[in-house]
PDB file of N, CA and C in Angstrom:
ATOM      1  N   MET A   1       7.456   9.612  14.397  1.00  0.00           N
ATOM      2  CA  MET A   1       7.869  10.414  13.268  1.00  0.00           C
ATOM      3  C   MET A   1       7.129   9.921  12.029  1.00  0.00           C
ATOM      4  N   TYR A   2       6.655  10.870  11.264  1.00  0.00           N
ATOM      5  CA  TYR A   2       5.978  10.594  10.004  1.00  0.00           C
ATOM      6  C   TYR A   2       6.812  11.147   8.862  1.00  0.00           C
ATOM      7  N   VAL A   3       6.621  10.580   7.695  1.00  0.00           N
ATOM      8  CA  VAL A   3       7.271  11.101   6.498  1.00  0.00           C
ATOM      9  C   VAL A   3       6.611  12.442   6.201  1.00  0.00           C
ATOM     10  N   LYS A   4       7.408  13.475   6.038  1.00  0.00           N
ATOM     11  CA  LYS A   4       6.905  14.831   5.837  1.00  0.00           C
ATOM     12  C   LYS A   4       5.965  14.880   4.636  1.00  0.00           C
ATOM     13  N   GLY A   5       4.784  15.457   4.874  1.00  0.00           N
ATOM     14  CA  GLY A   5       3.811  15.625   3.809  1.00  0.00           C
ATOM     15  C   GLY A   5       2.935  14.416   3.550  1.00  0.00           C
ATOM     16  N   ARG A   6       3.093  13.369   4.364  1.00  0.00           N
ATOM     17  CA  ARG A   6       2.299  12.150   4.188  1.00  0.00           C
ATOM     18  C   ARG A   6       1.821  11.643   5.538  1.00  0.00           C
ATOM     19  N   LYS A   7       0.806  10.859   5.519  1.00  0.00           N
ATOM     20  CA  LYS A   7       0.349  10.191   6.742  1.00  0.00           C
ATOM     21  C   LYS A   7       0.969   8.796   6.793  1.00  0.00           C
ATOM     22  N   LEU A   8       2.281   8.765   6.675  1.00  0.00           N
ATOM     23  CA  LEU A   8       3.031   7.518   6.615  1.00  0.00           C
ATOM     24  C   LEU A   8       4.027   7.486   7.771  1.00  0.00           C
ATOM     25  N   PRO A   9       3.776   6.626   8.771  1.00  0.00           N
ATOM     26  CA  PRO A   9       4.723   6.533   9.880  1.00  0.00           C
ATOM     27  C   PRO A   9       6.059   5.947   9.415  1.00  0.00           C
ATOM     28  N   ALA A  10       7.122   6.525   9.896  1.00  0.00           N
ATOM     29  CA  ALA A  10       8.454   6.016   9.572  1.00  0.00           C
ATOM     30  C   ALA A  10       8.573   4.562  10.009  1.00  0.00           C
ATOM     31  N   SER A  11       7.957   4.226  11.137  1.00  0.00           N
ATOM     32  CA  SER A  11       8.047   2.854  11.637  1.00  0.00           C
ATOM     33  C   SER A  11       7.383   1.862  10.690  1.00  0.00           C
ATOM     34  N   ALA A  12       6.378   2.282   9.945  1.00  0.00           N
ATOM     35  CA  ALA A  12       5.723   1.387   8.980  1.00  0.00           C
ATOM     36  C   ALA A  12       6.677   1.034   7.845  1.00  0.00           C
ATOM     37  N   VAL A  13       7.408   2.023   7.384  1.00  0.00           N
ATOM     38  CA  VAL A  13       8.387   1.785   6.318  1.00  0.00           C
ATOM     39  C   VAL A  13       9.490   0.877   6.836  1.00  0.00           C
ATOM     40  N   TRP A  14      10.013   1.196   7.986  1.00  0.00           N
ATOM     41  CA  TRP A  14      11.129   0.431   8.566  1.00  0.00           C
ATOM     42  C   TRP A  14      10.726  -1.008   8.858  1.00  0.00           C
ATOM     43  N   THR A  15       9.550  -1.195   9.453  1.00  0.00           N
ATOM     44  CA  THR A  15       9.076  -2.533   9.768  1.00  0.00           C
ATOM     45  C   THR A  15       8.885  -3.356   8.497  1.00  0.00           C
ATOM     46  N   ALA A  16       8.295  -2.751   7.474  1.00  0.00           N
ATOM     47  CA  ALA A  16       8.098  -3.453   6.206  1.00  0.00           C
ATOM     48  C   ALA A  16       9.439  -3.800   5.567  1.00  0.00           C
ATOM     49  N   MET A  17      10.400  -2.914   5.694  1.00  0.00           N
ATOM     50  CA  MET A  17      11.730  -3.196   5.152  1.00  0.00           C
ATOM     51  C   MET A  17      12.337  -4.415   5.839  1.00  0.00           C
ATOM     52  N   MET A  18      12.239  -4.468   7.164  1.00  0.00           N
ATOM     53  CA  MET A  18      12.816  -5.578   7.914  1.00  0.00           C
ATOM     54  C   MET A  18      12.050  -6.868   7.634  1.00  0.00           C
ATOM     55  N   THR A  19      10.734  -6.794   7.603  1.00  0.00           N
ATOM     56  CA  THR A  19       9.895  -7.975   7.394  1.00  0.00           C
ATOM     57  C   THR A  19      10.092  -8.566   6.006  1.00  0.00           C
ATOM     58  N   ASN A  20      10.179  -7.700   5.011  1.00  0.00           N
ATOM     59  CA  ASN A  20      10.256  -8.155   3.622  1.00  0.00           C
ATOM     60  C   ASN A  20      11.666  -8.152   3.058  1.00  0.00           C
ATOM     61  N   ASN A  21      12.637  -7.865   3.931  1.00  0.00           N
ATOM     62  CA  ASN A  21      14.040  -7.859   3.535  1.00  0.00           C
ATOM     63  C   ASN A  21      14.292  -6.948   2.326  1.00  0.00           C
ATOM     64  N   LEU A  22      13.753  -5.720   2.405  1.00  0.00           N
ATOM     65  CA  LEU A  22      13.885  -4.761   1.313  1.00  0.00           C
ATOM     66  C   LEU A  22      15.152  -3.938   1.458  1.00  0.00           C
ATOM     67  N   SER A  23      15.759  -3.626   0.354  1.00  0.00           N
ATOM     68  CA  SER A  23      16.898  -2.714   0.348  1.00  0.00           C
ATOM     69  C   SER A  23      16.374  -1.280   0.438  1.00  0.00           C
ATOM     70  N   VAL A  24      17.278  -0.360   0.660  1.00  0.00           N
ATOM     71  CA  VAL A  24      16.911   1.059   0.703  1.00  0.00           C
ATOM     72  C   VAL A  24      16.281   1.466  -0.630  1.00  0.00           C
ATOM     73  N   ASN A  25      16.884   1.039  -1.720  1.00  0.00           N
ATOM     74  CA  ASN A  25      16.353   1.398  -3.039  1.00  0.00           C
ATOM     75  C   ASN A  25      14.974   0.798  -3.282  1.00  0.00           C
ATOM     76  N   GLU A  26      14.761  -0.442  -2.854  1.00  0.00           N
ATOM     77  CA  GLU A  26      13.450  -1.074  -3.024  1.00  0.00           C
ATOM     78  C   GLU A  26      12.387  -0.351  -2.197  1.00  0.00           C
ATOM     79  N   ALA A  27      12.736   0.009  -0.972  1.00  0.00           N
ATOM     80  CA  ALA A  27      11.787   0.730  -0.123  1.00  0.00           C
ATOM     81  C   ALA A  27      11.474   2.101  -0.712  1.00  0.00           C
ATOM     82  N   ALA A  28      12.489   2.789  -1.193  1.00  0.00           N
ATOM     83  CA  ALA A  28      12.275   4.095  -1.811  1.00  0.00           C
ATOM     84  C   ALA A  28      11.323   3.971  -2.999  1.00  0.00           C
ATOM     85  N   TYR A  29      11.513   2.945  -3.791  1.00  0.00           N
ATOM     86  CA  TYR A  29      10.655   2.718  -4.950  1.00  0.00           C
ATOM     87  C   TYR A  29       9.225   2.390  -4.521  1.00  0.00           C
ATOM     88  N   ASN A  30       9.090   1.477  -3.536  1.00  0.00           N
ATOM     89  CA  ASN A  30       7.761   1.049  -3.072  1.00  0.00           C
ATOM     90  C   ASN A  30       6.924   2.197  -2.536  1.00  0.00           C
ATOM     91  N   TRP A  31       7.543   3.116  -1.814  1.00  0.00           N
ATOM     92  CA  TRP A  31       6.806   4.220  -1.200  1.00  0.00           C
ATOM     93  C   TRP A  31       6.982   5.537  -1.943  1.00  0.00           C
ATOM     94  N   ASN A  32       7.629   5.482  -3.078  1.00  0.00           N
ATOM     95  CA  ASN A  32       7.859   6.691  -3.868  1.00  0.00           C
ATOM     96  C   ASN A  32       8.526   7.779  -3.007  1.00  0.00           C
ATOM     97  N   LEU A  33       9.615   7.379  -2.370  1.00  0.00           N
ATOM     98  CA  LEU A  33      10.377   8.275  -1.494  1.00  0.00           C
ATOM     99  C   LEU A  33      11.789   8.429  -2.028  1.00  0.00           C
ATOM    100  N   PRO A  34      12.408   9.565  -1.757  1.00  0.00           N
ATOM    101  CA  PRO A  34      13.824   9.688  -2.102  1.00  0.00           C
ATOM    102  C   PRO A  34      14.669   8.780  -1.198  1.00  0.00           C
ATOM    103  N   VAL A  35      15.742   8.264  -1.739  1.00  0.00           N
ATOM    104  CA  VAL A  35      16.638   7.383  -0.978  1.00  0.00           C
ATOM    105  C   VAL A  35      17.094   8.043   0.327  1.00  0.00           C
ATOM    106  N   PRO A  36      17.474   9.340   0.334  1.00  0.00           N
ATOM    107  CA  PRO A  36      17.889   9.942   1.615  1.00  0.00           C
ATOM    108  C   PRO A  36      16.777   9.925   2.669  1.00  0.00           C
ATOM    109  N   ALA A  37      15.521   9.992   2.250  1.00  0.00           N
ATOM    110  CA  ALA A  37      14.414   9.930   3.216  1.00  0.00           C
ATOM    111  C   ALA A  37      14.348   8.539   3.844  1.00  0.00           C
ATOM    112  N   VAL A  38      14.530   7.506   3.046  1.00  0.00           N
ATOM    113  CA  VAL A  38      14.518   6.139   3.572  1.00  0.00           C
ATOM    114  C   VAL A  38      15.714   5.935   4.503  1.00  0.00           C
ATOM    115  N   GLN A  39      16.854   6.472   4.153  1.00  0.00           N
ATOM    116  CA  GLN A  39      18.027   6.361   5.025  1.00  0.00           C
ATOM    117  C   GLN A  39      17.782   7.063   6.358  1.00  0.00           C
ATOM    118  N   GLU A  40      17.090   8.204   6.323  1.00  0.00           N
ATOM    119  CA  GLU A  40      16.757   8.919   7.557  1.00  0.00           C
ATOM    120  C   GLU A  40      15.766   8.114   8.393  1.00  0.00           C
ATOM    121  N   ILE A  41      14.808   7.465   7.738  1.00  0.00           N
ATOM    122  CA  ILE A  41      13.847   6.614   8.440  1.00  0.00           C
ATOM    123  C   ILE A  41      14.580   5.491   9.170  1.00  0.00           C
ATOM    124  N   ILE A  42      15.499   4.832   8.488  1.00  0.00           N
ATOM    125  CA  ILE A  42      16.262   3.737   9.095  1.00  0.00           C
ATOM    126  C   ILE A  42      17.045   4.241  10.303  1.00  0.00           C
ATOM    127  N   GLU A  43      17.725   5.343  10.137  1.00  0.00           N
ATOM    128  CA  GLU A  43      18.526   5.909  11.230  1.00  0.00           C
ATOM    129  C   GLU A  43      17.644   6.240  12.431  1.00  0.00           C
ATOM    130  N   TYR A  44      16.504   6.888  12.169  1.00  0.00           N
ATOM    131  CA  TYR A  44      15.594   7.262  13.256  1.00  0.00           C
ATOM    132  C   TYR A  44      15.075   6.021  13.982  1.00  0.00           C
ATOM    133  N   CYS A  45      14.575   5.047  13.209  1.00  0.00           N
ATOM    134  CA  CYS A  45      13.968   3.864  13.814  1.00  0.00           C
ATOM    135  C   CYS A  45      14.982   3.017  14.578  1.00  0.00           C
ATOM    136  N   GLU A  46      16.169   2.868  14.048  1.00  0.00           N
ATOM    137  CA  GLU A  46      17.178   2.082  14.741  1.00  0.00           C
ATOM    138  C   GLU A  46      17.685   2.789  15.989  1.00  0.00           C
ATOM    139  N   SER A  47      17.652   4.109  15.990  1.00  0.00           N
ATOM    140  CA  SER A  47      18.074   4.871  17.166  1.00  0.00           C
ATOM    141  C   SER A  47      16.991   4.920  18.238  1.00  0.00           C
ATOM    142  N   ASN A  48      15.747   4.602  17.852  1.00  0.00           N
ATOM    143  CA  ASN A  48      14.616   4.733  18.772  1.00  0.00           C
ATOM    144  C   ASN A  48      13.818   3.441  18.896  1.00  0.00           C
ATOM    145  N   LYS A  49      14.493   2.298  18.832  1.00  0.00           N
ATOM    146  CA  LYS A  49      13.818   0.996  18.894  1.00  0.00           C
ATOM    147  C   LYS A  49      12.974   0.851  20.157  1.00  0.00           C
ATOM    148  N   GLN A  50      13.516   1.261  21.281  1.00  0.00           N
ATOM    149  CA  GLN A  50      12.797   1.103  22.546  1.00  0.00           C
ATOM    150  C   GLN A  50      11.515   1.945  22.542  1.00  0.00           C
ATOM    151  N   LEU A  51      11.590   3.175  22.086  1.00  0.00           N
ATOM    152  CA  LEU A  51      10.414   4.035  22.011  1.00  0.00           C
ATOM    153  C   LEU A  51       9.369   3.429  21.079  1.00  0.00           C
ATOM    154  N   LEU A  52       9.785   2.948  19.911  1.00  0.00           N
ATOM    155  CA  LEU A  52       8.856   2.353  18.958  1.00  0.00           C
ATOM    156  C   LEU A  52       8.204   1.106  19.532  1.00  0.00           C
ATOM    157  N   ALA A  53       8.956   0.303  20.261  1.00  0.00           N
ATOM    158  CA  ALA A  53       8.400  -0.895  20.890  1.00  0.00           C
ATOM    159  C   ALA A  53       7.366  -0.517  21.948  1.00  0.00           C
ATOM    160  N   MET A  54       7.649   0.510  22.728  1.00  0.00           N
ATOM    161  CA  MET A  54       6.690   0.964  23.737  1.00  0.00           C
ATOM    162  C   MET A  54       5.418   1.497  23.080  1.00  0.00           C
ATOM    163  N   GLU A  55       5.555   2.254  21.999  1.00  0.00           N
ATOM    164  CA  GLU A  55       4.391   2.773  21.289  1.00  0.00           C
ATOM    165  C   GLU A  55       3.553   1.637  20.699  1.00  0.00           C
ATOM    166  N   ALA A  56       4.210   0.627  20.141  1.00  0.00           N
ATOM    167  CA  ALA A  56       3.496  -0.518  19.570  1.00  0.00           C
ATOM    168  C   ALA A  56       2.757  -1.290  20.665  1.00  0.00           C
ATOM    169  N   ALA A  57       3.386  -1.478  21.811  1.00  0.00           N
ATOM    170  CA  ALA A  57       2.756  -2.184  22.926  1.00  0.00           C
ATOM    171  C   ALA A  57       1.528  -1.421  23.422  1.00  0.00           C
ATOM    172  N   GLU A  58       1.632  -0.120  23.504  1.00  0.00           N
ATOM    173  CA  GLU A  58       0.494   0.701  23.949  1.00  0.00           C
ATOM    174  C   GLU A  58      -0.643   0.636  22.941  1.00  0.00           C
ATOM    175  N   GLU A  59      -0.315   0.663  21.672  1.00  0.00           N
ATOM    176  CA  GLU A  59      -1.344   0.568  20.638  1.00  0.00           C
ATOM    177  C   GLU A  59      -2.058  -0.786  20.715  1.00  0.00           C
ATOM    178  N   LEU A  60      -1.306  -1.855  20.900  1.00  0.00           N
ATOM    179  CA  LEU A  60      -1.920  -3.177  21.051  1.00  0.00           C
ATOM    180  C   LEU A  60      -2.807  -3.235  22.289  1.00  0.00           C
ATOM    181  N   ARG A  61      -2.351  -2.622  23.371  1.00  0.00           N
ATOM    182  CA  ARG A  61      -3.153  -2.586  24.598  1.00  0.00           C
ATOM    183  C   ARG A  61      -4.466  -1.867  24.357  1.00  0.00           C
ATOM    184  N   GLN A  62      -4.404  -0.728  23.669  1.00  0.00           N
ATOM    185  CA  GLN A  62      -5.625   0.034  23.394  1.00  0.00           C
ATOM    186  C   GLN A  62      -6.568  -0.735  22.477  1.00  0.00           C
ATOM    187  N   TRP A  63      -6.015  -1.407  21.460  1.00  0.00           N
ATOM    188  CA  TRP A  63      -6.862  -2.194  20.562  1.00  0.00           C
ATOM    189  C   TRP A  63      -7.502  -3.355  21.318  1.00  0.00           C
ATOM    190  N   GLY A  64      -6.758  -3.969  22.209  1.00  0.00           N
ATOM    191  CA  GLY A  64      -7.306  -5.064  23.000  1.00  0.00           C
ATOM    192  C   GLY A  64      -8.446  -4.596  23.882  1.00  0.00           C
ATOM    193  N   HIS A  65      -8.301  -3.425  24.466  1.00  0.00           N
ATOM    194  CA  HIS A  65      -9.358  -2.853  25.297  1.00  0.00           C
ATOM    195  C   HIS A  65     -10.585  -2.558  24.445  1.00  0.00           C
ATOM    196  N   PHE A  66     -10.378  -1.992  23.275  1.00  0.00           N
ATOM    197  CA  PHE A  66     -11.472  -1.659  22.357  1.00  0.00           C
ATOM    198  C   PHE A  66     -12.173  -2.927  21.893  1.00  0.00           C
ATOM    199  N   ALA A  67     -11.407  -3.929  21.494  1.00  0.00           N
ATOM    200  CA  ALA A  67     -11.983  -5.169  20.979  1.00  0.00           C
ATOM    201  C   ALA A  67     -12.784  -5.883  22.064  1.00  0.00           C
ATOM    202  N   GLY A  68     -12.325  -5.791  23.300  1.00  0.00           N
ATOM    203  CA  GLY A  68     -13.033  -6.432  24.399  1.00  0.00           C
ATOM    204  C   GLY A  68     -14.366  -5.787  24.710  1.00  0.00           C
ATOM    205  N   SER A  69     -14.595  -4.558  24.250  1.00  0.00           N
ATOM    206  CA  SER A  69     -15.840  -3.863  24.533  1.00  0.00           C
ATOM    207  C   SER A  69     -16.878  -4.024  23.426  1.00  0.00           C
ATOM    208  N   LEU A  70     -16.530  -4.745  22.358  1.00  0.00           N
ATOM    209  CA  LEU A  70     -17.466  -4.954  21.257  1.00  0.00           C
ATOM    210  C   LEU A  70     -18.345  -6.167  21.538  1.00  0.00           C
ATOM    211  N   PRO A  71     -19.614  -6.113  21.102  1.00  0.00           N
ATOM    212  CA  PRO A  71     -20.472  -7.291  21.285  1.00  0.00           C
ATOM    213  C   PRO A  71     -20.026  -8.415  20.360  1.00  0.00           C
ATOM    214  N   PRO A  72     -20.315  -9.661  20.720  1.00  0.00           N
ATOM    215  CA  PRO A  72     -19.935 -10.776  19.853  1.00  0.00           C
ATOM    216  C   PRO A  72     -20.668 -10.698  18.513  1.00  0.00           C
ATOM    217  N   VAL A  73     -20.034 -11.188  17.487  1.00  0.00           N
ATOM    218  CA  VAL A  73     -20.604 -11.180  16.148  1.00  0.00           C
ATOM    219  C   VAL A  73     -20.955 -12.610  15.768  1.00  0.00           C
ATOM    220  N   SER A  74     -22.163 -12.792  15.285  1.00  0.00           N
ATOM    221  CA  SER A  74     -22.585 -14.112  14.839  1.00  0.00           C
ATOM    222  C   SER A  74     -22.358 -14.219  13.339  1.00  0.00           C
ATOM    223  N   CYS A  75     -21.643 -15.246  12.927  1.00  0.00           N
ATOM    224  CA  CYS A  75     -21.373 -15.459  11.512  1.00  0.00           C
ATOM    225  C   CYS A  75     -22.155 -16.671  11.032  1.00  0.00           C
ATOM    226  N   THR A  76     -22.896 -16.471   9.968  1.00  0.00           N
ATOM    227  CA  THR A  76     -23.590 -17.579   9.360  1.00  0.00           C
ATOM    228  C   THR A  76     -23.185 -17.682   7.912  1.00  0.00           C
ATOM    229  N   ASN A  77     -23.157 -18.867   7.420  1.00  0.00           N
ATOM    230  CA  ASN A  77     -22.800 -19.097   6.029  1.00  0.00           C
ATOM    231  C   ASN A  77     -24.083 -19.155   5.216  1.00  0.00           C
ATOM    232  N   LYS A  78     -24.335 -18.159   4.385  1.00  0.00           N
ATOM    233  CA  LYS A  78     -25.551 -18.093   3.578  1.00  0.00           C
ATOM    234  C   LYS A  78     -25.458 -19.012   2.365  1.00  0.00           C
ATOM    235  N   PHE A  79     -24.308 -19.618   2.174  1.00  0.00           N
ATOM    236  CA  PHE A  79     -24.102 -20.404   0.966  1.00  0.00           C
ATOM    237  C   PHE A  79     -24.008 -21.897   1.251  1.00  0.00           C
ATOM    238  N   ASP A  80     -24.606 -22.337   2.349  1.00  0.00           N
ATOM    239  CA  ASP A  80     -24.621 -23.778   2.656  1.00  0.00           C
ATOM    240  C   ASP A  80     -25.377 -24.509   1.549  1.00  0.00           C
ATOM    241  N   LEU A  81     -24.825 -25.624   1.113  1.00  0.00           N
ATOM    242  CA  LEU A  81     -25.478 -26.418   0.066  1.00  0.00           C
ATOM    243  C   LEU A  81     -26.207 -27.583   0.667  1.00  0.00           C
TER     244      LEU A  81
END
């Protein structure tokens, strides 16, 4: 679920709220959302924890597959003294 009219996943708001210990009002302020929208995000995410966890695991799996197919990168420090 995304916030209507934005490319903002509800899970991003909810996760940030939990991680940063934000109140509903603080989250609404941070994302410029109405308080009822944040309350709906919380309700949705808490009701669908298992689905969100499965989606996150799949995304990590896909990123791991993608990262494994990239060539190694050589890093050099151009500022050695």
